[in-house]
Amino acid sequence: MKRKIFVVEKDADIHDIIVRILSEEGYEVNSSRSEFGIFEQIKNAMPDIILLDVASASAQGTELSRAIKSANEIKHIPVVVLSTHLKVDVIKSVRADEITPKPFDVNKLADIIERQLLNNSP
C-alpha cells in the first residue's frame, strides 16, 4: 500500500515540484496551495505525513500545525514544516516534528520524509 503524504505549499512552482517528485517516488499525494479550510481534508485523508509551508510565525502560518498536533485523531501524524523564516527557534513554536528551511535540497527532503515515516511506523 502506498504511503500517503499531504502537501500544503503556497508557492505554485514549489508545490508542483514537490507533488511531482513525491508521486514519482510512489507516494499517494494529496495537496493544497492554501492552509485555509483544509483541516477536515487532512482528517479525511489520514496521511502518513504532512508537509506544511510556513512562511512566518504568524497566526495564519502556524495555526494549522498547532491544530493538527492538538487533535487526538491526527496528532500522531508527523508534520514537516517547510519555511523561509530565518529564526528556526521561532518556527519551532508551531509544534512541528521537523523544520526544513527553504530553499531545500530535494534529496534531503526525501531523507527527512523517510526518517519521519520510519519513526512513525507502527
PDB file of N, CA and C in Angstrom:
ATOM      1  N   MET A   1       0.835  -1.176   0.000  1.00  0.00           N
ATOM      2  CA  MET A   1       0.000   0.000   0.000  1.00  0.00           C
ATOM      3  C   MET A   1       0.884   1.245   0.000  1.00  0.00           C
ATOM      4  N   LYS A   2       0.516   2.214  -0.815  1.00  0.00           N
ATOM      5  CA  LYS A   2       1.288   3.458  -0.913  1.00  0.00           C
ATOM      6  C   LYS A   2       1.169   4.265   0.374  1.00  0.00           C
ATOM      7  N   ARG A   3       2.286   4.882   0.767  1.00  0.00           N
ATOM      8  CA  ARG A   3       2.270   5.814   1.894  1.00  0.00           C
ATOM      9  C   ARG A   3       1.664   7.116   1.409  1.00  0.00           C
ATOM     10  N   LYS A   4       0.885   7.766   2.267  1.00  0.00           N
ATOM     11  CA  LYS A   4       0.174   8.982   1.883  1.00  0.00           C
ATOM     12  C   LYS A   4       0.844  10.220   2.478  1.00  0.00           C
ATOM     13  N   ILE A   5       1.002  11.221   1.620  1.00  0.00           N
ATOM     14  CA  ILE A   5       1.583  12.495   2.041  1.00  0.00           C
ATOM     15  C   ILE A   5       0.608  13.604   1.678  1.00  0.00           C
ATOM     16  N   PHE A   6       0.379  14.502   2.628  1.00  0.00           N
ATOM     17  CA  PHE A   6      -0.442  15.682   2.366  1.00  0.00           C
ATOM     18  C   PHE A   6       0.500  16.876   2.305  1.00  0.00           C
ATOM     19  N   VAL A   7       0.496  17.578   1.189  1.00  0.00           N
ATOM     20  CA  VAL A   7       1.389  18.716   0.963  1.00  0.00           C
ATOM     21  C   VAL A   7       0.572  20.002   0.971  1.00  0.00           C
ATOM     22  N   VAL A   8       0.975  20.949   1.823  1.00  0.00           N
ATOM     23  CA  VAL A   8       0.376  22.282   1.831  1.00  0.00           C
ATOM     24  C   VAL A   8       1.499  23.250   1.480  1.00  0.00           C
ATOM     25  N   GLU A   9       1.466  23.767   0.262  1.00  0.00           N
ATOM     26  CA  GLU A   9       2.529  24.661  -0.237  1.00  0.00           C
ATOM     27  C   GLU A   9       1.892  25.774  -1.046  1.00  0.00           C
ATOM     28  N   LYS A  10       2.126  27.021  -0.618  1.00  0.00           N
ATOM     29  CA  LYS A  10       1.507  28.176  -1.275  1.00  0.00           C
ATOM     30  C   LYS A  10       2.146  28.549  -2.609  1.00  0.00           C
ATOM     31  N   ASP A  11       3.438  28.358  -2.744  1.00  0.00           N
ATOM     32  CA  ASP A  11       4.127  28.713  -3.983  1.00  0.00           C
ATOM     33  C   ASP A  11       3.809  27.658  -5.052  1.00  0.00           C
ATOM     34  N   ALA A  12       3.233  28.093  -6.155  1.00  0.00           N
ATOM     35  CA  ALA A  12       2.781  27.170  -7.205  1.00  0.00           C
ATOM     36  C   ALA A  12       3.919  26.315  -7.762  1.00  0.00           C
ATOM     37  N   ASP A  13       5.063  26.926  -8.022  1.00  0.00           N
ATOM     38  CA  ASP A  13       6.184  26.171  -8.589  1.00  0.00           C
ATOM     39  C   ASP A  13       6.712  25.119  -7.621  1.00  0.00           C
ATOM     40  N   ILE A  14       6.903  25.521  -6.368  1.00  0.00           N
ATOM     41  CA  ILE A  14       7.393  24.581  -5.362  1.00  0.00           C
ATOM     42  C   ILE A  14       6.365  23.472  -5.137  1.00  0.00           C
ATOM     43  N   HIS A  15       5.105  23.859  -5.063  1.00  0.00           N
ATOM     44  CA  HIS A  15       4.015  22.885  -4.907  1.00  0.00           C
ATOM     45  C   HIS A  15       4.084  21.826  -6.002  1.00  0.00           C
ATOM     46  N   ASP A  16       4.146  22.273  -7.251  1.00  0.00           N
ATOM     47  CA  ASP A  16       4.148  21.351  -8.383  1.00  0.00           C
ATOM     48  C   ASP A  16       5.371  20.436  -8.384  1.00  0.00           C
ATOM     49  N   ILE A  17       6.524  20.981  -8.017  1.00  0.00           N
ATOM     50  CA  ILE A  17       7.754  20.179  -7.962  1.00  0.00           C
ATOM     51  C   ILE A  17       7.643  19.104  -6.884  1.00  0.00           C
ATOM     52  N   ILE A  18       7.219  19.502  -5.692  1.00  0.00           N
ATOM     53  CA  ILE A  18       7.099  18.544  -4.595  1.00  0.00           C
ATOM     54  C   ILE A  18       6.108  17.437  -4.951  1.00  0.00           C
ATOM     55  N   VAL A  19       4.939  17.819  -5.458  1.00  0.00           N
ATOM     56  CA  VAL A  19       3.913  16.828  -5.801  1.00  0.00           C
ATOM     57  C   VAL A  19       4.424  15.869  -6.871  1.00  0.00           C
ATOM     58  N   ARG A  20       5.078  16.415  -7.895  1.00  0.00           N
ATOM     59  CA  ARG A  20       5.587  15.564  -8.975  1.00  0.00           C
ATOM     60  C   ARG A  20       6.638  14.588  -8.466  1.00  0.00           C
ATOM     61  N   ILE A  21       7.596  15.081  -7.695  1.00  0.00           N
ATOM     62  CA  ILE A  21       8.672  14.229  -7.193  1.00  0.00           C
ATOM     63  C   ILE A  21       8.121  13.143  -6.266  1.00  0.00           C
ATOM     64  N   LEU A  22       7.251  13.522  -5.344  1.00  0.00           N
ATOM     65  CA  LEU A  22       6.710  12.531  -4.419  1.00  0.00           C
ATOM     66  C   LEU A  22       5.854  11.496  -5.146  1.00  0.00           C
ATOM     67  N   SER A  23       5.092  11.929  -6.133  1.00  0.00           N
ATOM     68  CA  SER A  23       4.285  10.993  -6.927  1.00  0.00           C
ATOM     69  C   SER A  23       5.186  10.021  -7.684  1.00  0.00           C
ATOM     70  N   GLU A  24       6.267  10.542  -8.266  1.00  0.00           N
ATOM     71  CA  GLU A  24       7.216   9.690  -8.989  1.00  0.00           C
ATOM     72  C   GLU A  24       7.919   8.699  -8.061  1.00  0.00           C
ATOM     73  N   GLU A  25       8.052   9.074  -6.791  1.00  0.00           N
ATOM     74  CA  GLU A  25       8.678   8.189  -5.806  1.00  0.00           C
ATOM     75  C   GLU A  25       7.700   7.132  -5.287  1.00  0.00           C
ATOM     76  N   GLY A  26       6.449   7.189  -5.748  1.00  0.00           N
ATOM     77  CA  GLY A  26       5.482   6.171  -5.387  1.00  0.00           C
ATOM     78  C   GLY A  26       4.553   6.515  -4.238  1.00  0.00           C
ATOM     79  N   TYR A  27       4.601   7.747  -3.766  1.00  0.00           N
ATOM     80  CA  TYR A  27       3.696   8.164  -2.699  1.00  0.00           C
ATOM     81  C   TYR A  27       2.344   8.552  -3.272  1.00  0.00           C
ATOM     82  N   GLU A  28       1.301   8.373  -2.474  1.00  0.00           N
ATOM     83  CA  GLU A  28      -0.014   8.915  -2.802  1.00  0.00           C
ATOM     84  C   GLU A  28      -0.026  10.331  -2.234  1.00  0.00           C
ATOM     85  N   VAL A  29      -0.224  11.323  -3.086  1.00  0.00           N
ATOM     86  CA  VAL A  29      -0.098  12.712  -2.660  1.00  0.00           C
ATOM     87  C   VAL A  29      -1.441  13.434  -2.764  1.00  0.00           C
ATOM     88  N   ASN A  30      -1.848  14.031  -1.646  1.00  0.00           N
ATOM     89  CA  ASN A  30      -2.954  14.983  -1.620  1.00  0.00           C
ATOM     90  C   ASN A  30      -2.300  16.325  -1.363  1.00  0.00           C
ATOM     91  N   SER A  31      -2.863  17.384  -1.936  1.00  0.00           N
ATOM     92  CA  SER A  31      -2.203  18.668  -1.746  1.00  0.00           C
ATOM     93  C   SER A  31      -3.176  19.831  -1.800  1.00  0.00           C
ATOM     94  N   SER A  32      -2.673  20.956  -1.310  1.00  0.00           N
ATOM     95  CA  SER A  32      -3.418  22.203  -1.332  1.00  0.00           C
ATOM     96  C   SER A  32      -2.410  23.343  -1.429  1.00  0.00           C
ATOM     97  N   ARG A  33      -2.830  24.424  -2.044  1.00  0.00           N
ATOM     98  CA  ARG A  33      -1.966  25.607  -2.115  1.00  0.00           C
ATOM     99  C   ARG A  33      -2.348  26.630  -1.047  1.00  0.00           C
ATOM    100  N   SER A  34      -3.234  26.264  -0.139  1.00  0.00           N
ATOM    101  CA  SER A  34      -3.642  27.142   0.939  1.00  0.00           C
ATOM    102  C   SER A  34      -3.906  26.314   2.188  1.00  0.00           C
ATOM    103  N   GLU A  35      -3.577  26.860   3.349  1.00  0.00           N
ATOM    104  CA  GLU A  35      -3.861  26.148   4.588  1.00  0.00           C
ATOM    105  C   GLU A  35      -5.281  26.409   5.088  1.00  0.00           C
ATOM    106  N   PHE A  36      -5.970  27.316   4.476  1.00  0.00           N
ATOM    107  CA  PHE A  36      -7.313  27.665   4.911  1.00  0.00           C
ATOM    108  C   PHE A  36      -8.329  26.593   4.528  1.00  0.00           C
ATOM    109  N   GLY A  37      -9.075  26.123   5.507  1.00  0.00           N
ATOM    110  CA  GLY A  37     -10.154  25.187   5.243  1.00  0.00           C
ATOM    111  C   GLY A  37      -9.741  23.770   4.938  1.00  0.00           C
ATOM    112  N   ILE A  38      -8.497  23.384   5.206  1.00  0.00           N
ATOM    113  CA  ILE A  38      -8.105  22.025   4.828  1.00  0.00           C
ATOM    114  C   ILE A  38      -7.947  21.085   6.023  1.00  0.00           C
ATOM    115  N   PHE A  39      -8.209  21.563   7.220  1.00  0.00           N
ATOM    116  CA  PHE A  39      -8.099  20.704   8.399  1.00  0.00           C
ATOM    117  C   PHE A  39      -8.953  19.448   8.232  1.00  0.00           C
ATOM    118  N   GLU A  40     -10.182  19.602   7.785  1.00  0.00           N
ATOM    119  CA  GLU A  40     -11.075  18.453   7.577  1.00  0.00           C
ATOM    120  C   GLU A  40     -10.561  17.552   6.455  1.00  0.00           C
ATOM    121  N   GLN A  41      -9.977  18.163   5.421  1.00  0.00           N
ATOM    122  CA  GLN A  41      -9.403  17.352   4.338  1.00  0.00           C
ATOM    123  C   GLN A  41      -8.281  16.459   4.858  1.00  0.00           C
ATOM    124  N   ILE A  42      -7.466  17.012   5.720  1.00  0.00           N
ATOM    125  CA  ILE A  42      -6.365  16.240   6.299  1.00  0.00           C
ATOM    126  C   ILE A  42      -6.931  15.111   7.156  1.00  0.00           C
ATOM    127  N   LYS A  43      -7.932  15.418   7.984  1.00  0.00           N
ATOM    128  CA  LYS A  43      -8.542  14.381   8.818  1.00  0.00           C
ATOM    129  C   LYS A  43      -9.151  13.282   7.956  1.00  0.00           C
ATOM    130  N   ASN A  44      -9.788  13.636   6.860  1.00  0.00           N
ATOM    131  CA  ASN A  44     -10.404  12.639   5.975  1.00  0.00           C
ATOM    132  C   ASN A  44      -9.349  11.822   5.230  1.00  0.00           C
ATOM    133  N   ALA A  45      -8.264  12.456   4.816  1.00  0.00           N
ATOM    134  CA  ALA A  45      -7.217  11.766   4.051  1.00  0.00           C
ATOM    135  C   ALA A  45      -6.378  10.849   4.943  1.00  0.00           C
ATOM    136  N   MET A  46      -6.232  11.194   6.225  1.00  0.00           N
ATOM    137  CA  MET A  46      -5.394  10.452   7.166  1.00  0.00           C
ATOM    138  C   MET A  46      -4.030  10.105   6.555  1.00  0.00           C
ATOM    139  N   PRO A  47      -3.265  11.144   6.193  1.00  0.00           N
ATOM    140  CA  PRO A  47      -1.949  10.891   5.589  1.00  0.00           C
ATOM    141  C   PRO A  47      -0.973  10.310   6.608  1.00  0.00           C
ATOM    142  N   ASP A  48       0.117   9.781   6.081  1.00  0.00           N
ATOM    143  CA  ASP A  48       1.182   9.268   6.941  1.00  0.00           C
ATOM    144  C   ASP A  48       2.126  10.373   7.375  1.00  0.00           C
ATOM    145  N   ILE A  49       2.131  11.482   6.628  1.00  0.00           N
ATOM    146  CA  ILE A  49       2.987  12.626   6.941  1.00  0.00           C
ATOM    147  C   ILE A  49       2.405  13.863   6.264  1.00  0.00           C
ATOM    148  N   ILE A  50       2.680  15.026   6.845  1.00  0.00           N
ATOM    149  CA  ILE A  50       2.201  16.300   6.301  1.00  0.00           C
ATOM    150  C   ILE A  50       3.401  17.205   6.072  1.00  0.00           C
ATOM    151  N   LEU A  51       3.503  17.773   4.871  1.00  0.00           N
ATOM    152  CA  LEU A  51       4.494  18.813   4.570  1.00  0.00           C
ATOM    153  C   LEU A  51       3.737  20.125   4.571  1.00  0.00           C
ATOM    154  N   LEU A  52       4.168  21.056   5.399  1.00  0.00           N
ATOM    155  CA  LEU A  52       3.415  22.293   5.615  1.00  0.00           C
ATOM    156  C   LEU A  52       4.290  23.514   5.404  1.00  0.00           C
ATOM    157  N   ASP A  53       3.895  24.353   4.470  1.00  0.00           N
ATOM    158  CA  ASP A  53       4.577  25.612   4.191  1.00  0.00           C
ATOM    159  C   ASP A  53       4.209  26.626   5.266  1.00  0.00           C
ATOM    160  N   VAL A  54       5.213  27.127   5.983  1.00  0.00           N
ATOM    161  CA  VAL A  54       5.005  28.189   6.965  1.00  0.00           C
ATOM    162  C   VAL A  54       6.012  29.279   6.648  1.00  0.00           C
ATOM    163  N   ALA A  55       5.541  30.358   6.048  1.00  0.00           N
ATOM    164  CA  ALA A  55       6.440  31.445   5.657  1.00  0.00           C
ATOM    165  C   ALA A  55       6.891  32.260   6.854  1.00  0.00           C
ATOM    166  N   SER A  56       6.011  32.404   7.841  1.00  0.00           N
ATOM    167  CA  SER A  56       6.359  33.161   9.032  1.00  0.00           C
ATOM    168  C   SER A  56       5.592  32.597  10.217  1.00  0.00           C
ATOM    169  N   ALA A  57       5.969  33.007  11.395  1.00  0.00           N
ATOM    170  CA  ALA A  57       5.303  32.516  12.598  1.00  0.00           C
ATOM    171  C   ALA A  57       4.046  33.336  12.889  1.00  0.00           C
ATOM    172  N   SER A  58       3.261  33.575  11.869  1.00  0.00           N
ATOM    173  CA  SER A  58       2.020  34.322  12.031  1.00  0.00           C
ATOM    174  C   SER A  58       0.890  33.369  12.395  1.00  0.00           C
ATOM    175  N   ALA A  59      -0.229  33.913  12.820  1.00  0.00           N
ATOM    176  CA  ALA A  59      -1.385  33.079  13.172  1.00  0.00           C
ATOM    177  C   ALA A  59      -1.813  32.219  11.998  1.00  0.00           C
ATOM    178  N   GLN A  60      -1.861  32.794  10.788  1.00  0.00           N
ATOM    179  CA  GLN A  60      -2.282  32.031   9.616  1.00  0.00           C
ATOM    180  C   GLN A  60      -1.287  30.928   9.292  1.00  0.00           C
ATOM    181  N   GLY A  61      -0.020  31.202   9.454  1.00  0.00           N
ATOM    182  CA  GLY A  61       1.014  30.254   9.065  1.00  0.00           C
ATOM    183  C   GLY A  61       1.221  29.124  10.044  1.00  0.00           C
ATOM    184  N   THR A  62       0.825  29.291  11.296  1.00  0.00           N
ATOM    185  CA  THR A  62       1.104  28.286  12.308  1.00  0.00           C
ATOM    186  C   THR A  62      -0.125  27.601  12.883  1.00  0.00           C
ATOM    187  N   GLU A  63      -1.285  28.158  12.726  1.00  0.00           N
ATOM    188  CA  GLU A  63      -2.481  27.609  13.360  1.00  0.00           C
ATOM    189  C   GLU A  63      -2.794  26.188  12.900  1.00  0.00           C
ATOM    190  N   LEU A  64      -2.586  25.886  11.635  1.00  0.00           N
ATOM    191  CA  LEU A  64      -2.871  24.549  11.136  1.00  0.00           C
ATOM    192  C   LEU A  64      -1.997  23.507  11.826  1.00  0.00           C
ATOM    193  N   SER A  65      -0.711  23.765  11.956  1.00  0.00           N
ATOM    194  CA  SER A  65       0.178  22.820  12.625  1.00  0.00           C
ATOM    195  C   SER A  65      -0.243  22.627  14.079  1.00  0.00           C
ATOM    196  N   ARG A  66      -0.546  23.698  14.757  1.00  0.00           N
ATOM    197  CA  ARG A  66      -0.991  23.591  16.150  1.00  0.00           C
ATOM    198  C   ARG A  66      -2.290  22.795  16.250  1.00  0.00           C
ATOM    199  N   ALA A  67      -3.205  23.033  15.325  1.00  0.00           N
ATOM    200  CA  ALA A  67      -4.486  22.319  15.335  1.00  0.00           C
ATOM    201  C   ALA A  67      -4.276  20.821  15.104  1.00  0.00           C
ATOM    202  N   ILE A  68      -3.395  20.486  14.174  1.00  0.00           N
ATOM    203  CA  ILE A  68      -3.101  19.073  13.897  1.00  0.00           C
ATOM    204  C   ILE A  68      -2.544  18.406  15.149  1.00  0.00           C
ATOM    205  N   LYS A  69      -1.586  19.052  15.791  1.00  0.00           N
ATOM    206  CA  LYS A  69      -0.925  18.461  16.951  1.00  0.00           C
ATOM    207  C   LYS A  69      -1.793  18.491  18.209  1.00  0.00           C
ATOM    208  N   SER A  70      -2.945  19.153  18.132  1.00  0.00           N
ATOM    209  CA  SER A  70      -3.877  19.189  19.253  1.00  0.00           C
ATOM    210  C   SER A  70      -5.060  18.240  19.064  1.00  0.00           C
ATOM    211  N   ALA A  71      -5.264  17.761  17.850  1.00  0.00           N
ATOM    212  CA  ALA A  71      -6.419  16.896  17.545  1.00  0.00           C
ATOM    213  C   ALA A  71      -6.056  15.441  17.817  1.00  0.00           C
ATOM    214  N   ASN A  72      -6.742  14.820  18.752  1.00  0.00           N
ATOM    215  CA  ASN A  72      -6.411  13.450  19.167  1.00  0.00           C
ATOM    216  C   ASN A  72      -6.312  12.468  18.019  1.00  0.00           C
ATOM    217  N   GLU A  73      -7.211  12.551  17.058  1.00  0.00           N
ATOM    218  CA  GLU A  73      -7.242  11.554  15.997  1.00  0.00           C
ATOM    219  C   GLU A  73      -6.106  11.683  14.982  1.00  0.00           C
ATOM    220  N   ILE A  74      -5.429  12.847  14.924  1.00  0.00           N
ATOM    221  CA  ILE A  74      -4.357  13.018  13.935  1.00  0.00           C
ATOM    222  C   ILE A  74      -3.052  13.558  14.520  1.00  0.00           C
ATOM    223  N   LYS A  75      -2.968  13.749  15.816  1.00  0.00           N
ATOM    224  CA  LYS A  75      -1.765  14.354  16.402  1.00  0.00           C
ATOM    225  C   LYS A  75      -0.527  13.491  16.243  1.00  0.00           C
ATOM    226  N   HIS A  76      -0.715  12.198  15.947  1.00  0.00           N
ATOM    227  CA  HIS A  76       0.412  11.292  15.744  1.00  0.00           C
ATOM    228  C   HIS A  76       1.081  11.474  14.378  1.00  0.00           C
ATOM    229  N   ILE A  77       0.413  12.166  13.449  1.00  0.00           N
ATOM    230  CA  ILE A  77       0.945  12.334  12.094  1.00  0.00           C
ATOM    231  C   ILE A  77       2.112  13.326  12.129  1.00  0.00           C
ATOM    232  N   PRO A  78       3.279  12.929  11.625  1.00  0.00           N
ATOM    233  CA  PRO A  78       4.405  13.866  11.603  1.00  0.00           C
ATOM    234  C   PRO A  78       4.114  15.069  10.700  1.00  0.00           C
ATOM    235  N   VAL A  79       4.510  16.235  11.181  1.00  0.00           N
ATOM    236  CA  VAL A  79       4.385  17.474  10.420  1.00  0.00           C
ATOM    237  C   VAL A  79       5.792  18.000  10.165  1.00  0.00           C
ATOM    238  N   VAL A  80       6.131  18.133   8.880  1.00  0.00           N
ATOM    239  CA  VAL A  80       7.412  18.699   8.482  1.00  0.00           C
ATOM    240  C   VAL A  80       7.126  20.081   7.910  1.00  0.00           C
ATOM    241  N   VAL A  81       7.633  21.099   8.570  1.00  0.00           N
ATOM    242  CA  VAL A  81       7.420  22.476   8.132  1.00  0.00           C
ATOM    243  C   VAL A  81       8.514  22.862   7.144  1.00  0.00           C
ATOM    244  N   LEU A  82       8.087  23.426   6.023  1.00  0.00           N
ATOM    245  CA  LEU A  82       8.992  24.000   5.024  1.00  0.00           C
ATOM    246  C   LEU A  82       8.896  25.504   5.205  1.00  0.00           C
ATOM    247  N   SER A  83      10.010  26.163   5.504  1.00  0.00           N
ATOM    248  CA  SER A  83       9.915  27.575   5.848  1.00  0.00           C
ATOM    249  C   SER A  83      11.089  28.406   5.340  1.00  0.00           C
ATOM    250  N   THR A  84      10.788  29.636   4.990  1.00  0.00           N
ATOM    251  CA  THR A  84      11.812  30.616   4.639  1.00  0.00           C
ATOM    252  C   THR A  84      12.163  31.490   5.841  1.00  0.00           C
ATOM    253  N   HIS A  85      11.479  31.283   6.957  1.00  0.00           N
ATOM    254  CA  HIS A  85      11.699  32.090   8.148  1.00  0.00           C
ATOM    255  C   HIS A  85      13.124  31.883   8.637  1.00  0.00           C
ATOM    256  N   LEU A  86      13.818  32.961   8.958  1.00  0.00           N
ATOM    257  CA  LEU A  86      15.223  32.895   9.326  1.00  0.00           C
ATOM    258  C   LEU A  86      15.457  32.380  10.737  1.00  0.00           C
ATOM    259  N   LYS A  87      14.488  32.532  11.618  1.00  0.00           N
ATOM    260  CA  LYS A  87      14.672  32.132  13.011  1.00  0.00           C
ATOM    261  C   LYS A  87      13.943  30.820  13.266  1.00  0.00           C
ATOM    262  N   VAL A  88      14.691  29.726  13.156  1.00  0.00           N
ATOM    263  CA  VAL A  88      14.113  28.396  13.308  1.00  0.00           C
ATOM    264  C   VAL A  88      13.475  28.223  14.681  1.00  0.00           C
ATOM    265  N   ASP A  89      14.072  28.820  15.735  1.00  0.00           N
ATOM    266  CA  ASP A  89      13.518  28.668  17.072  1.00  0.00           C
ATOM    267  C   ASP A  89      12.120  29.262  17.178  1.00  0.00           C
ATOM    268  N   VAL A  90      11.852  30.312  16.406  1.00  0.00           N
ATOM    269  CA  VAL A  90      10.507  30.908  16.381  1.00  0.00           C
ATOM    270  C   VAL A  90       9.536  29.946  15.717  1.00  0.00           C
ATOM    271  N   ILE A  91       9.947  29.334  14.638  1.00  0.00           N
ATOM    272  CA  ILE A  91       9.094  28.389  13.914  1.00  0.00           C
ATOM    273  C   ILE A  91       8.830  27.135  14.747  1.00  0.00           C
ATOM    274  N   LYS A  92       9.758  26.748  15.635  1.00  0.00           N
ATOM    275  CA  LYS A  92       9.544  25.561  16.456  1.00  0.00           C
ATOM    276  C   LYS A  92       8.285  25.683  17.301  1.00  0.00           C
ATOM    277  N   SER A  93       7.819  26.883  17.523  1.00  0.00           N
ATOM    278  CA  SER A  93       6.609  27.083  18.317  1.00  0.00           C
ATOM    279  C   SER A  93       5.366  26.512  17.643  1.00  0.00           C
ATOM    280  N   VAL A  94       5.459  26.133  16.382  1.00  0.00           N
ATOM    281  CA  VAL A  94       4.296  25.572  15.683  1.00  0.00           C
ATOM    282  C   VAL A  94       4.111  24.101  16.010  1.00  0.00           C
ATOM    283  N   ARG A  95       4.995  23.533  16.827  1.00  0.00           N
ATOM    284  CA  ARG A  95       4.918  22.145  17.267  1.00  0.00           C
ATOM    285  C   ARG A  95       5.151  21.159  16.127  1.00  0.00           C
ATOM    286  N   ALA A  96       5.943  21.538  15.169  1.00  0.00           N
ATOM    287  CA  ALA A  96       6.282  20.643  14.053  1.00  0.00           C
ATOM    288  C   ALA A  96       7.243  19.561  14.537  1.00  0.00           C
ATOM    289  N   ASP A  97       7.226  18.428  13.842  1.00  0.00           N
ATOM    290  CA  ASP A  97       8.160  17.350  14.149  1.00  0.00           C
ATOM    291  C   ASP A  97       9.539  17.639  13.583  1.00  0.00           C
ATOM    292  N   GLU A  98       9.559  18.370  12.475  1.00  0.00           N
ATOM    293  CA  GLU A  98      10.827  18.739  11.852  1.00  0.00           C
ATOM    294  C   GLU A  98      10.620  20.014  11.044  1.00  0.00           C
ATOM    295  N   ILE A  99      11.699  20.786  10.912  1.00  0.00           N
ATOM    296  CA  ILE A  99      11.643  22.034  10.150  1.00  0.00           C
ATOM    297  C   ILE A  99      12.738  21.983   9.096  1.00  0.00           C
ATOM    298  N   THR A 100      12.347  22.262   7.861  1.00  0.00           N
ATOM    299  CA  THR A 100      13.285  22.281   6.744  1.00  0.00           C
ATOM    300  C   THR A 100      13.292  23.675   6.146  1.00  0.00           C
ATOM    301  N   PRO A 101      14.442  24.335   6.157  1.00  0.00           N
ATOM    302  CA  PRO A 101      14.488  25.683   5.569  1.00  0.00           C
ATOM    303  C   PRO A 101      14.387  25.633   4.048  1.00  0.00           C
ATOM    304  N   LYS A 102      13.760  26.658   3.508  1.00  0.00           N
ATOM    305  CA  LYS A 102      13.716  26.844   2.053  1.00  0.00           C
ATOM    306  C   LYS A 102      14.816  27.834   1.696  1.00  0.00           C
ATOM    307  N   PRO A 103      15.432  27.672   0.575  1.00  0.00           N
ATOM    308  CA  PRO A 103      15.256  26.578  -0.373  1.00  0.00           C
ATOM    309  C   PRO A 103      15.819  25.296   0.220  1.00  0.00           C
ATOM    310  N   PHE A 104      15.273  24.167  -0.207  1.00  0.00           N
ATOM    311  CA  PHE A 104      15.710  22.884   0.315  1.00  0.00           C
ATOM    312  C   PHE A 104      16.233  22.012  -0.810  1.00  0.00           C
ATOM    313  N   ASP A 105      17.079  21.090  -0.428  1.00  0.00           N
ATOM    314  CA  ASP A 105      17.603  20.097  -1.351  1.00  0.00           C
ATOM    315  C   ASP A 105      16.571  18.962  -1.411  1.00  0.00           C
ATOM    316  N   VAL A 106      16.172  18.568  -2.602  1.00  0.00           N
ATOM    317  CA  VAL A 106      15.148  17.543  -2.792  1.00  0.00           C
ATOM    318  C   VAL A 106      15.569  16.227  -2.137  1.00  0.00           C
ATOM    319  N   ASN A 107      16.832  15.868  -2.260  1.00  0.00           N
ATOM    320  CA  ASN A 107      17.309  14.620  -1.643  1.00  0.00           C
ATOM    321  C   ASN A 107      17.229  14.679  -0.125  1.00  0.00           C
ATOM    322  N   LYS A 108      17.554  15.832   0.448  1.00  0.00           N
ATOM    323  CA  LYS A 108      17.456  15.982   1.902  1.00  0.00           C
ATOM    324  C   LYS A 108      16.007  15.923   2.356  1.00  0.00           C
ATOM    325  N   LEU A 109      15.112  16.524   1.577  1.00  0.00           N
ATOM    326  CA  LEU A 109      13.694  16.457   1.915  1.00  0.00           C
ATOM    327  C   LEU A 109      13.215  15.007   1.866  1.00  0.00           C
ATOM    328  N   ALA A 110      13.639  14.265   0.864  1.00  0.00           N
ATOM    329  CA  ALA A 110      13.270  12.847   0.761  1.00  0.00           C
ATOM    330  C   ALA A 110      13.781  12.069   1.974  1.00  0.00           C
ATOM    331  N   ASP A 111      15.000  12.372   2.424  1.00  0.00           N
ATOM    332  CA  ASP A 111      15.555  11.712   3.606  1.00  0.00           C
ATOM    333  C   ASP A 111      14.745  12.040   4.858  1.00  0.00           C
ATOM    334  N   ILE A 112      14.344  13.287   4.990  1.00  0.00           N
ATOM    335  CA  ILE A 112      13.541  13.716   6.135  1.00  0.00           C
ATOM    336  C   ILE A 112      12.198  12.981   6.135  1.00  0.00           C
ATOM    337  N   ILE A 113      11.574  12.907   4.972  1.00  0.00           N
ATOM    338  CA  ILE A 113      10.287  12.209   4.862  1.00  0.00           C
ATOM    339  C   ILE A 113      10.445  10.752   5.268  1.00  0.00           C
ATOM    340  N   GLU A 114      11.452  10.081   4.735  1.00  0.00           N
ATOM    341  CA  GLU A 114      11.680   8.671   5.066  1.00  0.00           C
ATOM    342  C   GLU A 114      11.946   8.482   6.556  1.00  0.00           C
ATOM    343  N   ARG A 115      12.764   9.361   7.133  1.00  0.00           N
ATOM    344  CA  ARG A 115      13.071   9.259   8.560  1.00  0.00           C
ATOM    345  C   ARG A 115      11.814   9.432   9.404  1.00  0.00           C
ATOM    346  N   GLN A 116      10.999  10.415   9.064  1.00  0.00           N
ATOM    347  CA  GLN A 116       9.768  10.641   9.817  1.00  0.00           C
ATOM    348  C   GLN A 116       8.795   9.468   9.667  1.00  0.00           C
ATOM    349  N   LEU A 117       8.714   8.913   8.458  1.00  0.00           N
ATOM    350  CA  LEU A 117       7.834   7.759   8.239  1.00  0.00           C
ATOM    351  C   LEU A 117       8.322   6.546   9.041  1.00  0.00           C
ATOM    352  N   LEU A 118       9.625   6.330   9.077  1.00  0.00           N
ATOM    353  CA  LEU A 118      10.182   5.218   9.850  1.00  0.00           C
ATOM    354  C   LEU A 118       9.933   5.404  11.340  1.00  0.00           C
ATOM    355  N   ASN A 119      10.121   6.645  11.811  1.00  0.00           N
ATOM    356  CA  ASN A 119       9.906   6.944  13.231  1.00  0.00           C
ATOM    357  C   ASN A 119       8.443   6.790  13.641  1.00  0.00           C
ATOM    358  N   ASN A 120       7.545   6.921  12.668  1.00  0.00           N
ATOM    359  CA  ASN A 120       6.120   6.897  12.964  1.00  0.00           C
ATOM    360  C   ASN A 120       5.462   5.576  12.555  1.00  0.00           C
ATOM    361  N   SER A 121       6.270   4.588  12.161  1.00  0.00           N
ATOM    362  CA  SER A 121       5.718   3.289  11.754  1.00  0.00           C
ATOM    363  C   SER A 121       5.184   2.549  12.970  1.00  0.00           C
ATOM    364  N   PRO A 122       4.084   1.816  12.770  1.00  0.00           N
ATOM    365  CA  PRO A 122       3.501   1.050  13.888  1.00  0.00           C
ATOM    366  C   PRO A 122       4.387  -0.099  14.319  1.00  0.00           C
TER     367      PRO A 122
END
